[in-house]
């Protein structure tokens, strides 16, 4: 525990097949690399509330789906999502940078 309050409003998290973590937060969908560094923040279209929930959709899990509790948003991604019910598998090795 720290004395710093958690103001991120983090809700749900999902993974992609490259090991990146997507976190639903008040600022949008924060995309973190395997070292935990935030590499991007995907905002929802304006006006909308904070991201409440995330999941992957599509035949090959190519769509990242988010909701603010009122509306549903879908974005086609260049990387595919990880099936939450899939058995354990090795994540591809990191290459450079």
C-alpha atoms as a PDB file:
ATOM      1  CA  UNK A   1       0.000   0.000   0.000  1.00  0.00           C
ATOM      2  CA  UNK A   2       1.095   3.551  -0.665  1.00  0.00           C
ATOM      3  CA  UNK A   3      -0.033   6.942   0.550  1.00  0.00           C
ATOM      4  CA  UNK A   4      -0.728   7.962  -3.059  1.00  0.00           C
ATOM      5  CA  UNK A   5      -4.414   7.515  -3.989  1.00  0.00           C
ATOM      6  CA  UNK A   6      -5.224   5.455  -7.077  1.00  0.00           C
ATOM      7  CA  UNK A   7      -6.748   8.007  -9.434  1.00  0.00           C
ATOM      8  CA  UNK A   8      -6.471   5.923 -12.617  1.00  0.00           C
ATOM      9  CA  UNK A   9      -9.935   4.458 -12.270  1.00  0.00           C
ATOM     10  CA  UNK A  10      -8.618   1.198 -13.764  1.00  0.00           C
ATOM     11  CA  UNK A  11     -11.451  -1.236 -14.422  1.00  0.00           C
ATOM     12  CA  UNK A  12     -10.742  -4.246 -16.656  1.00  0.00           C
ATOM     13  CA  UNK A  13      -7.694  -5.597 -18.470  1.00  0.00           C
ATOM     14  CA  UNK A  14      -7.131  -7.752 -21.573  1.00  0.00           C
ATOM     15  CA  UNK A  15      -4.001  -9.053 -23.348  1.00  0.00           C
ATOM     16  CA  UNK A  16      -3.019  -9.292 -26.999  1.00  0.00           C
ATOM     17  CA  UNK A  17      -0.980 -12.086 -28.599  1.00  0.00           C
ATOM     18  CA  UNK A  18       2.229 -10.018 -28.329  1.00  0.00           C
ATOM     19  CA  UNK A  19       1.916  -9.707 -24.553  1.00  0.00           C
ATOM     20  CA  UNK A  20       0.665  -6.103 -24.456  1.00  0.00           C
ATOM     21  CA  UNK A  21      -1.810  -5.217 -21.721  1.00  0.00           C
ATOM     22  CA  UNK A  22      -4.878  -3.041 -22.381  1.00  0.00           C
ATOM     23  CA  UNK A  23      -6.382  -1.350 -19.322  1.00  0.00           C
ATOM     24  CA  UNK A  24      -9.768   0.419 -19.147  1.00  0.00           C
ATOM     25  CA  UNK A  25      -9.160   3.734 -17.309  1.00  0.00           C
ATOM     26  CA  UNK A  26     -10.666   7.198 -16.921  1.00  0.00           C
ATOM     27  CA  UNK A  27      -8.234   8.567 -19.540  1.00  0.00           C
ATOM     28  CA  UNK A  28      -9.077   5.894 -22.123  1.00  0.00           C
ATOM     29  CA  UNK A  29      -7.590   2.512 -22.946  1.00  0.00           C
ATOM     30  CA  UNK A  30      -3.989   2.464 -21.741  1.00  0.00           C
ATOM     31  CA  UNK A  31      -1.762   0.130 -23.757  1.00  0.00           C
ATOM     32  CA  UNK A  32       1.194  -1.173 -21.748  1.00  0.00           C
ATOM     33  CA  UNK A  33       4.173  -3.183 -22.988  1.00  0.00           C
ATOM     34  CA  UNK A  34       5.503  -6.258 -21.179  1.00  0.00           C
ATOM     35  CA  UNK A  35       7.646  -4.063 -18.931  1.00  0.00           C
ATOM     36  CA  UNK A  36       4.555  -2.192 -17.733  1.00  0.00           C
ATOM     37  CA  UNK A  37       5.324   1.041 -19.619  1.00  0.00           C
ATOM     38  CA  UNK A  38       2.336   2.867 -21.075  1.00  0.00           C
ATOM     39  CA  UNK A  39       2.983   3.011 -24.829  1.00  0.00           C
ATOM     40  CA  UNK A  40      -0.324   4.539 -25.949  1.00  0.00           C
ATOM     41  CA  UNK A  41      -3.663   5.779 -24.684  1.00  0.00           C
ATOM     42  CA  UNK A  42      -6.650   5.124 -26.951  1.00  0.00           C
ATOM     43  CA  UNK A  43      -9.374   7.634 -26.062  1.00  0.00           C
ATOM     44  CA  UNK A  44     -13.042   6.924 -26.669  1.00  0.00           C
ATOM     45  CA  UNK A  45     -14.847   9.267 -29.081  1.00  0.00           C
ATOM     46  CA  UNK A  46     -16.076  12.512 -27.511  1.00  0.00           C
ATOM     47  CA  UNK A  47     -18.428  12.832 -25.693  1.00  0.00           C
ATOM     48  CA  UNK A  48     -18.206   9.666 -23.665  1.00  0.00           C
ATOM     49  CA  UNK A  49     -17.467   8.656 -20.126  1.00  0.00           C
ATOM     50  CA  UNK A  50     -14.495   6.715 -18.789  1.00  0.00           C
ATOM     51  CA  UNK A  51     -13.866   3.240 -20.183  1.00  0.00           C
ATOM     52  CA  UNK A  52     -15.622   0.687 -17.978  1.00  0.00           C
ATOM     53  CA  UNK A  53     -15.058  -2.620 -19.737  1.00  0.00           C
ATOM     54  CA  UNK A  54     -12.941  -4.220 -22.492  1.00  0.00           C
ATOM     55  CA  UNK A  55     -12.986  -7.431 -24.503  1.00  0.00           C
ATOM     56  CA  UNK A  56     -11.786  -8.859 -27.811  1.00  0.00           C
ATOM     57  CA  UNK A  57     -14.262  -9.744 -30.552  1.00  0.00           C
ATOM     58  CA  UNK A  58     -14.342 -11.055 -34.100  1.00  0.00           C
ATOM     59  CA  UNK A  59     -13.546 -14.424 -35.633  1.00  0.00           C
ATOM     60  CA  UNK A  60      -9.803 -13.944 -34.986  1.00  0.00           C
ATOM     61  CA  UNK A  61     -10.156 -11.508 -32.048  1.00  0.00           C
ATOM     62  CA  UNK A  62      -9.112  -8.616 -34.280  1.00  0.00           C
ATOM     63  CA  UNK A  63     -11.495  -6.073 -32.692  1.00  0.00           C
ATOM     64  CA  UNK A  64     -10.981  -4.366 -29.359  1.00  0.00           C
ATOM     65  CA  UNK A  65     -14.411  -3.584 -27.908  1.00  0.00           C
ATOM     66  CA  UNK A  66     -14.937  -1.068 -25.105  1.00  0.00           C
ATOM     67  CA  UNK A  67     -17.870   0.487 -23.300  1.00  0.00           C
ATOM     68  CA  UNK A  68     -18.383   3.552 -21.136  1.00  0.00           C
ATOM     69  CA  UNK A  69     -21.478   1.967 -19.614  1.00  0.00           C
ATOM     70  CA  UNK A  70     -23.795   3.738 -22.082  1.00  0.00           C
ATOM     71  CA  UNK A  71     -22.386   2.985 -25.539  1.00  0.00           C
ATOM     72  CA  UNK A  72     -20.246   0.258 -27.136  1.00  0.00           C
ATOM     73  CA  UNK A  73     -17.190   1.102 -29.263  1.00  0.00           C
ATOM     74  CA  UNK A  74     -15.292  -1.243 -31.598  1.00  0.00           C
ATOM     75  CA  UNK A  75     -11.825  -0.724 -33.093  1.00  0.00           C
ATOM     76  CA  UNK A  76     -10.027  -3.012 -35.545  1.00  0.00           C
ATOM     77  CA  UNK A  77      -6.491  -3.670 -34.314  1.00  0.00           C
ATOM     78  CA  UNK A  78      -3.298  -4.691 -36.142  1.00  0.00           C
ATOM     79  CA  UNK A  79      -2.622  -7.258 -33.421  1.00  0.00           C
ATOM     80  CA  UNK A  80      -5.075  -9.938 -32.331  1.00  0.00           C
ATOM     81  CA  UNK A  81      -6.446 -10.371 -28.855  1.00  0.00           C
ATOM     82  CA  UNK A  82      -5.698 -13.241 -26.532  1.00  0.00           C
ATOM     83  CA  UNK A  83      -8.566 -15.627 -25.925  1.00  0.00           C
ATOM     84  CA  UNK A  84      -9.286 -15.419 -22.215  1.00  0.00           C
ATOM     85  CA  UNK A  85     -10.275 -19.071 -22.017  1.00  0.00           C
ATOM     86  CA  UNK A  86      -7.301 -20.358 -24.083  1.00  0.00           C
ATOM     87  CA  UNK A  87      -4.797 -22.713 -22.448  1.00  0.00           C
ATOM     88  CA  UNK A  88      -1.423 -21.343 -21.350  1.00  0.00           C
ATOM     89  CA  UNK A  89       1.018 -20.612 -24.156  1.00  0.00           C
ATOM     90  CA  UNK A  90       4.421 -19.016 -24.480  1.00  0.00           C
ATOM     91  CA  UNK A  91       4.458 -15.327 -25.396  1.00  0.00           C
ATOM     92  CA  UNK A  92       6.738 -14.539 -28.383  1.00  0.00           C
ATOM     93  CA  UNK A  93      10.265 -13.476 -27.442  1.00  0.00           C
ATOM     94  CA  UNK A  94      11.055  -9.767 -27.298  1.00  0.00           C
ATOM     95  CA  UNK A  95      13.129  -8.383 -30.132  1.00  0.00           C
ATOM     96  CA  UNK A  96      15.219  -5.255 -29.667  1.00  0.00           C
ATOM     97  CA  UNK A  97      13.983  -1.961 -28.128  1.00  0.00           C
END
